[in-house]
Amino acid sequence: MDDTYYMKQALSEAREAARRGEVPVGAVVVCRDRIIARGHNLTETLVDVTAHAEMQALTAAASSLGGKYLTDCTLYVTVEPCVMCAGAIGWSQLGRLVYGAPDEKRGYRRYAPEALHPKTVVESGVMQEECAALMKEFFQKRR
């Protein structure tokens, strides 16, 4: 399995979010070549501004592993995490973050580029066009 395979899984989660009327962001957590957690935005469904895809996936991953640190894990997310999610990723000591499309307006790199744990390896732009297209399509339909 490679980054593209796992990003496709995150995109599947993002499509489920869109189907539910949520902003289409999806995430999966992989540990030792196995998906241990999935998540997509649930902010509207749960009436909870913190219910981002990353937060859902991180919580599920910690539960799956029985511990809060995700040092041996990779989080795949379709859009660059926001500051809140980057903070949670940092506290989890995630080993690797892979995201698709950048978020120029609300992404962590703009406001808090040091939020992640210093040892977290970051890869960006994986399936960027597909991830960005899903977001654009969603917001065009809402206008």
C-alpha atoms as a PDB file:
ATOM      1  CA  MET A   1       0.000   0.000   0.000  1.00  0.00           C
ATOM      2  CA  ASP A   2       1.201   3.521  -0.710  1.00  0.00           C
ATOM      3  CA  ASP A   3       0.180   7.115   0.013  1.00  0.00           C
ATOM      4  CA  THR A   4      -2.174   7.204  -2.981  1.00  0.00           C
ATOM      5  CA  TYR A   5      -4.066   4.134  -1.778  1.00  0.00           C
ATOM      6  CA  TYR A   6      -4.597   5.579   1.692  1.00  0.00           C
ATOM      7  CA  MET A   7      -5.507   9.022   0.354  1.00  0.00           C
ATOM      8  CA  LYS A   8      -8.176   7.345  -1.774  1.00  0.00           C
ATOM      9  CA  GLN A   9      -9.579   5.925   1.461  1.00  0.00           C
ATOM     10  CA  ALA A  10      -9.591   9.426   2.979  1.00  0.00           C
ATOM     11  CA  LEU A  11     -11.352  10.716  -0.148  1.00  0.00           C
ATOM     12  CA  SER A  12     -14.011   8.050   0.340  1.00  0.00           C
ATOM     13  CA  GLU A  13     -14.587   9.438   3.836  1.00  0.00           C
ATOM     14  CA  ALA A  14     -14.758  12.975   2.409  1.00  0.00           C
ATOM     15  CA  ARG A  15     -17.415  11.884  -0.086  1.00  0.00           C
ATOM     16  CA  GLU A  16     -19.442  10.411   2.784  1.00  0.00           C
ATOM     17  CA  ALA A  17     -19.207  13.765   4.565  1.00  0.00           C
ATOM     18  CA  ALA A  18     -20.481  15.549   1.449  1.00  0.00           C
ATOM     19  CA  ARG A  19     -23.323  13.045   1.124  1.00  0.00           C
ATOM     20  CA  ARG A  20     -24.367  14.024   4.663  1.00  0.00           C
ATOM     21  CA  GLY A  21     -24.190  17.753   3.867  1.00  0.00           C
ATOM     22  CA  GLU A  22     -20.898  18.197   5.718  1.00  0.00           C
ATOM     23  CA  VAL A  23     -17.827  19.982   4.372  1.00  0.00           C
ATOM     24  CA  PRO A  24     -16.097  17.140   2.482  1.00  0.00           C
ATOM     25  CA  VAL A  25     -12.980  16.433   4.491  1.00  0.00           C
ATOM     26  CA  GLY A  26     -11.986  12.857   5.209  1.00  0.00           C
ATOM     27  CA  ALA A  27      -9.216  11.199   7.166  1.00  0.00           C
ATOM     28  CA  VAL A  28      -7.757   7.790   7.908  1.00  0.00           C
ATOM     29  CA  VAL A  29      -5.084   6.743  10.390  1.00  0.00           C
ATOM     30  CA  VAL A  30      -2.694   4.002   9.364  1.00  0.00           C
ATOM     31  CA  CYS A  31      -0.505   2.039  11.761  1.00  0.00           C
ATOM     32  CA  ARG A  32       1.843  -0.695  10.556  1.00  0.00           C
ATOM     33  CA  ASP A  33       0.228  -0.785   7.089  1.00  0.00           C
ATOM     34  CA  ARG A  34      -3.292  -1.157   8.491  1.00  0.00           C
ATOM     35  CA  ILE A  35      -6.100   1.392   8.669  1.00  0.00           C
ATOM     36  CA  ILE A  36      -6.987   1.612  12.350  1.00  0.00           C
ATOM     37  CA  ALA A  37      -9.328   4.613  12.225  1.00  0.00           C
ATOM     38  CA  ARG A  38     -11.486   6.601   9.832  1.00  0.00           C
ATOM     39  CA  GLY A  39     -13.247   9.894  10.134  1.00  0.00           C
ATOM     40  CA  HIS A  40     -15.013  12.641   8.234  1.00  0.00           C
ATOM     41  CA  ASN A  41     -16.420  16.005   9.177  1.00  0.00           C
ATOM     42  CA  LEU A  42     -19.422  15.761  11.491  1.00  0.00           C
ATOM     43  CA  THR A  43     -19.724  19.374  12.626  1.00  0.00           C
ATOM     44  CA  GLU A  44     -23.282  19.788  11.322  1.00  0.00           C
ATOM     45  CA  THR A  45     -24.455  16.326  12.350  1.00  0.00           C
ATOM     46  CA  LEU A  46     -23.129  16.615  15.897  1.00  0.00           C
ATOM     47  CA  VAL A  47     -23.639  20.398  16.161  1.00  0.00           C
ATOM     48  CA  ASP A  48     -20.018  20.546  17.303  1.00  0.00           C
ATOM     49  CA  VAL A  49     -17.429  22.881  15.819  1.00  0.00           C
ATOM     50  CA  THR A  50     -14.641  20.539  16.973  1.00  0.00           C
ATOM     51  CA  ALA A  51     -15.983  17.499  15.078  1.00  0.00           C
ATOM     52  CA  HIS A  52     -13.481  17.787  12.218  1.00  0.00           C
ATOM     53  CA  ALA A  53     -12.414  14.690  10.275  1.00  0.00           C
ATOM     54  CA  GLU A  54      -8.957  14.719  11.860  1.00  0.00           C
ATOM     55  CA  MET A  55     -10.356  14.923  15.386  1.00  0.00           C
ATOM     56  CA  GLN A  56     -12.710  12.008  14.705  1.00  0.00           C
ATOM     57  CA  ALA A  57      -9.893   9.890  13.268  1.00  0.00           C
ATOM     58  CA  LEU A  58      -7.372  10.757  15.998  1.00  0.00           C
ATOM     59  CA  THR A  59      -9.852   9.899  18.752  1.00  0.00           C
ATOM     60  CA  ALA A  60     -10.732   6.587  17.102  1.00  0.00           C
ATOM     61  CA  ALA A  61      -7.049   5.746  16.569  1.00  0.00           C
ATOM     62  CA  ALA A  62      -6.152   6.419  20.198  1.00  0.00           C
ATOM     63  CA  SER A  63      -9.054   4.226  21.273  1.00  0.00           C
ATOM     64  CA  SER A  64      -7.977   1.473  18.886  1.00  0.00           C
ATOM     65  CA  LEU A  65      -4.406   1.513  20.192  1.00  0.00           C
ATOM     66  CA  GLY A  66      -5.353   2.036  23.819  1.00  0.00           C
ATOM     67  CA  GLY A  67      -3.138   5.092  24.187  1.00  0.00           C
ATOM     68  CA  LYS A  68      -2.999   8.761  23.277  1.00  0.00           C
ATOM     69  CA  TYR A  69       0.336   8.774  21.431  1.00  0.00           C
ATOM     70  CA  LEU A  70       0.339   7.954  17.730  1.00  0.00           C
ATOM     71  CA  THR A  71       4.083   7.956  17.095  1.00  0.00           C
ATOM     72  CA  ASP A  72       3.938   4.898  14.828  1.00  0.00           C
ATOM     73  CA  CYS A  73       0.968   6.185  12.836  1.00  0.00           C
ATOM     74  CA  THR A  74       0.292   8.192   9.694  1.00  0.00           C
ATOM     75  CA  LEU A  75      -2.740  10.437   9.344  1.00  0.00           C
ATOM     76  CA  TYR A  76      -4.016  10.878   5.788  1.00  0.00           C
ATOM     77  CA  VAL A  77      -6.367  13.835   5.384  1.00  0.00           C
ATOM     78  CA  THR A  78      -7.799  15.342   2.224  1.00  0.00           C
ATOM     79  CA  VAL A  79      -7.235  18.986   3.217  1.00  0.00           C
ATOM     80  CA  GLU A  80      -4.481  20.673   5.223  1.00  0.00           C
ATOM     81  CA  PRO A  81      -5.459  20.619   8.897  1.00  0.00           C
ATOM     82  CA  CYS A  82      -6.641  23.758  10.662  1.00  0.00           C
ATOM     83  CA  VAL A  83      -4.872  25.140  13.731  1.00  0.00           C
ATOM     84  CA  MET A  84      -7.126  23.197  16.130  1.00  0.00           C
ATOM     85  CA  CYS A  85      -6.472  19.906  14.379  1.00  0.00           C
ATOM     86  CA  ALA A  86      -2.751  20.627  14.056  1.00  0.00           C
ATOM     87  CA  GLY A  87      -2.645  21.164  17.810  1.00  0.00           C
ATOM     88  CA  ALA A  88      -4.312  17.799  18.414  1.00  0.00           C
ATOM     89  CA  ILE A  89      -1.948  16.171  15.919  1.00  0.00           C
ATOM     90  CA  GLY A  90       0.954  17.718  17.796  1.00  0.00           C
ATOM     91  CA  TRP A  91      -0.292  16.511  21.195  1.00  0.00           C
ATOM     92  CA  SER A  92      -0.738  13.001  19.789  1.00  0.00           C
ATOM     93  CA  GLN A  93       2.919  13.005  18.692  1.00  0.00           C
ATOM     94  CA  LEU A  94       1.829  11.666  15.308  1.00  0.00           C
ATOM     95  CA  GLY A  95       4.675  10.115  13.350  1.00  0.00           C
ATOM     96  CA  ARG A  96       3.585  11.307   9.916  1.00  0.00           C
ATOM     97  CA  LEU A  97       0.972  13.605   8.386  1.00  0.00           C
ATOM     98  CA  VAL A  98      -0.014  13.329   4.734  1.00  0.00           C
ATOM     99  CA  TYR A  99      -2.523  15.754   3.270  1.00  0.00           C
ATOM    100  CA  GLY A 100      -3.923  16.464  -0.160  1.00  0.00           C
ATOM    101  CA  ALA A 101      -5.034  20.031  -0.830  1.00  0.00           C
ATOM    102  CA  PRO A 102      -3.594  23.064   0.947  1.00  0.00           C
ATOM    103  CA  ASP A 103      -5.939  25.382   2.820  1.00  0.00           C
ATOM    104  CA  GLU A 104      -4.598  28.853   2.153  1.00  0.00           C
ATOM    105  CA  LYS A 105      -7.279  30.566   4.261  1.00  0.00           C
ATOM    106  CA  ARG A 106      -7.472  28.404   7.401  1.00  0.00           C
ATOM    107  CA  GLY A 107      -4.608  25.907   7.234  1.00  0.00           C
ATOM    108  CA  TYR A 108      -2.197  25.511  10.140  1.00  0.00           C
ATOM    109  CA  ARG A 109       0.832  26.504   8.042  1.00  0.00           C
ATOM    110  CA  ARG A 110      -0.486  30.066   7.804  1.00  0.00           C
ATOM    111  CA  TYR A 111      -1.262  30.618  11.485  1.00  0.00           C
ATOM    112  CA  ALA A 112       0.687  28.020  13.459  1.00  0.00           C
ATOM    113  CA  PRO A 113       3.402  26.379  11.381  1.00  0.00           C
ATOM    114  CA  GLU A 114       5.101  25.051  14.549  1.00  0.00           C
ATOM    115  CA  ALA A 115       1.961  23.391  15.973  1.00  0.00           C
ATOM    116  CA  LEU A 116       2.933  19.858  15.019  1.00  0.00           C
ATOM    117  CA  HIS A 117       5.312  17.732  17.070  1.00  0.00           C
ATOM    118  CA  PRO A 118       8.918  18.406  15.971  1.00  0.00           C
ATOM    119  CA  LYS A 119       9.373  14.770  14.899  1.00  0.00           C
ATOM    120  CA  THR A 120       6.224  14.630  12.753  1.00  0.00           C
ATOM    121  CA  VAL A 121       7.103  14.157   9.091  1.00  0.00           C
ATOM    122  CA  VAL A 122       4.781  16.073   6.735  1.00  0.00           C
ATOM    123  CA  GLU A 123       3.975  15.225   3.123  1.00  0.00           C
ATOM    124  CA  SER A 124       1.623  17.468   1.158  1.00  0.00           C
ATOM    125  CA  GLY A 125       0.036  17.458  -2.275  1.00  0.00           C
ATOM    126  CA  VAL A 126      -0.904  13.761  -2.417  1.00  0.00           C
ATOM    127  CA  MET A 127      -3.830  13.607  -4.846  1.00  0.00           C
ATOM    128  CA  GLN A 128      -4.080  17.385  -4.452  1.00  0.00           C
ATOM    129  CA  GLU A 129      -6.214  17.958  -7.551  1.00  0.00           C
ATOM    130  CA  GLU A 130      -8.828  15.370  -6.566  1.00  0.00           C
ATOM    131  CA  CYS A 131      -9.004  16.650  -2.997  1.00  0.00           C
ATOM    132  CA  ALA A 132      -9.327  20.273  -4.084  1.00  0.00           C
ATOM    133  CA  ALA A 133     -11.929  19.426  -6.750  1.00  0.00           C
ATOM    134  CA  LEU A 134     -14.171  17.776  -4.155  1.00  0.00           C
ATOM    135  CA  MET A 135     -14.087  20.915  -2.010  1.00  0.00           C
ATOM    136  CA  LYS A 136     -14.709  23.246  -4.957  1.00  0.00           C
ATOM    137  CA  GLU A 137     -17.632  21.154  -6.171  1.00  0.00           C
ATOM    138  CA  PHE A 138     -19.202  21.107  -2.713  1.00  0.00           C
ATOM    139  CA  PHE A 139     -19.021  24.863  -2.235  1.00  0.00           C
ATOM    140  CA  GLN A 140     -20.189  25.617  -5.795  1.00  0.00           C
ATOM    141  CA  LYS A 141     -23.334  23.597  -5.119  1.00  0.00           C
ATOM    142  CA  ARG A 142     -23.976  25.548  -1.907  1.00  0.00           C
ATOM    143  CA  ARG A 143     -23.843  28.948  -3.598  1.00  0.00           C
END
